[in-house]
Protein backbone atom coordinates (compact mmCIF):
# COMPACT_ATOMS: atom_id res chain seq x y z
CA MET A 1 82.49 183.16 113.43
CA GLN A 2 83.99 181.30 110.94
CA PHE A 3 81.99 180.04 108.23
CA ILE A 4 82.13 176.44 105.74
CA GLU A 5 82.30 177.25 102.40
CA GLU A 6 79.66 175.15 100.52
CA PRO A 7 81.66 172.83 98.26
CA LEU A 8 80.40 173.45 94.35
CA LEU A 9 82.08 169.87 93.08
CA CYS A 10 81.59 166.54 93.62
CA PRO A 11 84.97 165.18 96.02
CA CYS A 12 84.37 161.91 94.21
CA CYS A 13 84.25 162.46 90.60
CA SER A 14 84.06 166.48 90.39
CA TYR A 15 81.07 166.77 88.98
CA THR A 16 78.82 169.89 89.66
CA LEU A 17 76.51 169.55 92.79
CA ILE A 18 73.21 170.12 92.67
CA LYS A 19 71.03 171.77 95.33
CA GLN A 20 67.76 170.97 96.76
CA ALA A 21 66.33 171.05 99.65
CA ASP A 22 69.53 172.53 101.76
CA GLN A 23 71.05 169.46 100.31
CA LEU A 24 74.10 168.55 97.85
CA PHE A 25 73.16 165.94 95.18
CA CYS A 26 75.89 165.18 92.06
CA ARG A 27 73.89 163.81 89.33
CA ASN A 28 76.65 161.93 87.81
CA THR A 29 75.32 158.24 86.44
CA ALA A 30 79.06 157.52 86.46
CA CYS A 31 80.25 158.43 89.82
CA THR A 32 81.64 155.99 91.47
CA ALA A 33 80.19 156.77 95.06
CA GLN A 34 76.71 156.35 93.43
CA ILE A 35 77.92 152.90 91.62
CA ASN A 36 79.22 151.90 94.62
CA GLY A 37 76.73 152.46 96.84
CA LYS A 38 74.17 151.03 94.02
CA VAL A 39 75.63 147.65 94.30
CA GLN A 40 75.80 148.07 97.91
CA HIS A 41 72.13 148.24 98.27
CA PHE A 42 71.69 145.48 95.70
CA ALA A 43 73.86 143.32 97.66
CA LYS A 44 71.80 143.87 100.54
CA VAL A 45 68.42 143.80 99.18
CA LEU A 46 69.38 140.27 97.97
CA GLY A 47 71.24 139.14 100.79
CA ILE A 48 74.53 138.71 99.54
CA LYS A 49 76.96 139.05 102.47
CA GLY A 50 81.08 140.44 102.11
CA PHE A 51 79.70 143.39 99.49
CA GLY A 52 80.85 146.28 101.64
CA PRO A 53 82.81 148.93 100.29
CA LYS A 54 85.88 147.58 99.63
CA THR A 55 85.06 144.51 98.31
CA VAL A 56 82.63 146.48 95.50
CA GLU A 57 85.99 148.80 95.00
CA LYS A 58 88.49 146.08 94.81
CA LEU A 59 86.39 144.26 92.13
CA ASN A 60 85.53 147.19 90.04
CA ILE A 61 82.15 146.69 89.61
CA LEU A 62 80.32 149.56 87.61
CA GLU A 63 76.98 147.79 86.96
CA LEU A 64 74.60 145.73 88.99
CA THR A 65 74.70 143.00 86.61
CA GLU A 66 77.93 142.45 86.96
CA ILE A 67 77.74 140.84 90.04
CA PHE A 68 76.41 137.49 88.00
CA TYR A 69 79.01 137.48 85.55
CA LEU A 70 82.09 137.64 87.74
CA ASP A 71 84.76 135.31 87.05
CA ALA A 72 85.96 132.84 89.55
CA GLY A 73 89.77 132.89 88.97
CA GLU A 74 89.25 136.78 88.85
CA VAL A 75 87.32 136.82 92.04
CA SER A 76 89.88 134.24 93.68
CA ALA A 77 92.84 136.17 92.44
CA ILE A 78 91.64 139.94 94.02
CA LEU A 79 90.32 138.58 96.92
CA GLY A 80 91.63 135.26 97.97
CA ASP A 81 90.63 131.67 96.98
CA LYS A 82 88.15 131.29 100.71
CA VAL A 83 86.38 134.54 100.54
CA ALA A 84 85.47 134.55 96.75
CA ILE A 85 84.01 131.11 97.51
CA LYS A 86 81.82 132.37 99.63
CA LEU A 87 81.15 135.27 98.14
CA LEU A 88 80.04 133.45 94.70
CA ASP A 89 78.08 131.03 96.83
CA GLU A 90 76.32 133.73 98.21
CA ILE A 91 76.00 136.08 94.68
CA GLU A 92 74.16 132.12 92.65
CA ARG A 93 72.23 132.15 96.53
CA SER A 94 70.26 135.06 95.48
CA LYS A 95 69.58 134.08 92.12
CA GLY A 96 66.23 132.35 93.87
CA SER A 97 65.40 136.06 94.98
CA ASP A 98 61.50 136.76 94.29
CA LEU A 99 60.18 140.24 91.88
CA ALA A 100 59.07 141.69 95.05
CA THR A 101 63.31 141.97 96.46
CA VAL A 102 64.53 142.48 93.14
CA LEU A 103 62.74 145.26 92.65
CA GLU A 104 63.07 146.41 95.88
CA SER A 105 67.23 145.99 94.76
CA PHE A 106 67.36 148.08 92.03
CA SER A 107 67.45 151.58 93.83
CA ILE A 108 64.03 153.06 91.97
CA PRO A 109 63.22 156.46 93.60
CA LEU A 110 60.23 155.59 95.70
CA ILE A 111 59.87 151.87 95.01
CA GLY A 112 60.99 150.47 98.08
CA GLY A 113 60.14 147.38 99.81
CA THR A 114 56.32 148.51 100.40
CA ALA A 115 55.91 149.29 96.83
CA SER A 116 57.32 146.38 94.86
CA THR A 117 55.30 144.42 96.86
CA LYS A 118 52.31 145.75 95.46
CA VAL A 119 53.80 145.65 92.21
CA ALA A 120 54.37 142.23 92.35
CA SER A 121 51.23 140.97 94.06
CA VAL A 122 50.05 142.34 90.54
CA VAL A 123 52.63 141.24 87.85
CA SER A 124 54.40 138.44 88.14
CA THR A 125 57.28 138.71 85.47
CA PHE A 126 59.32 141.32 84.42
CA GLU A 127 57.85 141.24 80.65
CA ASP A 128 54.76 142.00 82.85
CA ILE A 129 56.27 145.60 84.27
């Protein structure tokens, strides 16, 4: 019988992995795999279509807020005019999302759809939080 060696380092950023309940986690907040996953989750929850792994990688987005400051010219140069127009329209439409949806999109541990809806029923703005 051949055993598989447990990895010690994150395959994406080479950060030391932490074992918790028989699962391995990379705790590097600058890990590109984690950042890409958070950006994709953020876009999915806000209903921004077209933000798959390849798009996030091509646009080199490192923070969630960068989505709202993308330069139309740069996006067109990277993705092409037609795709850029659709993507930027989706981003603009997402700016009208309600507080519960925005809270859920931030990938805060234990704050999913239900918890964010409950929080939003008690507060009306981020300043209240």
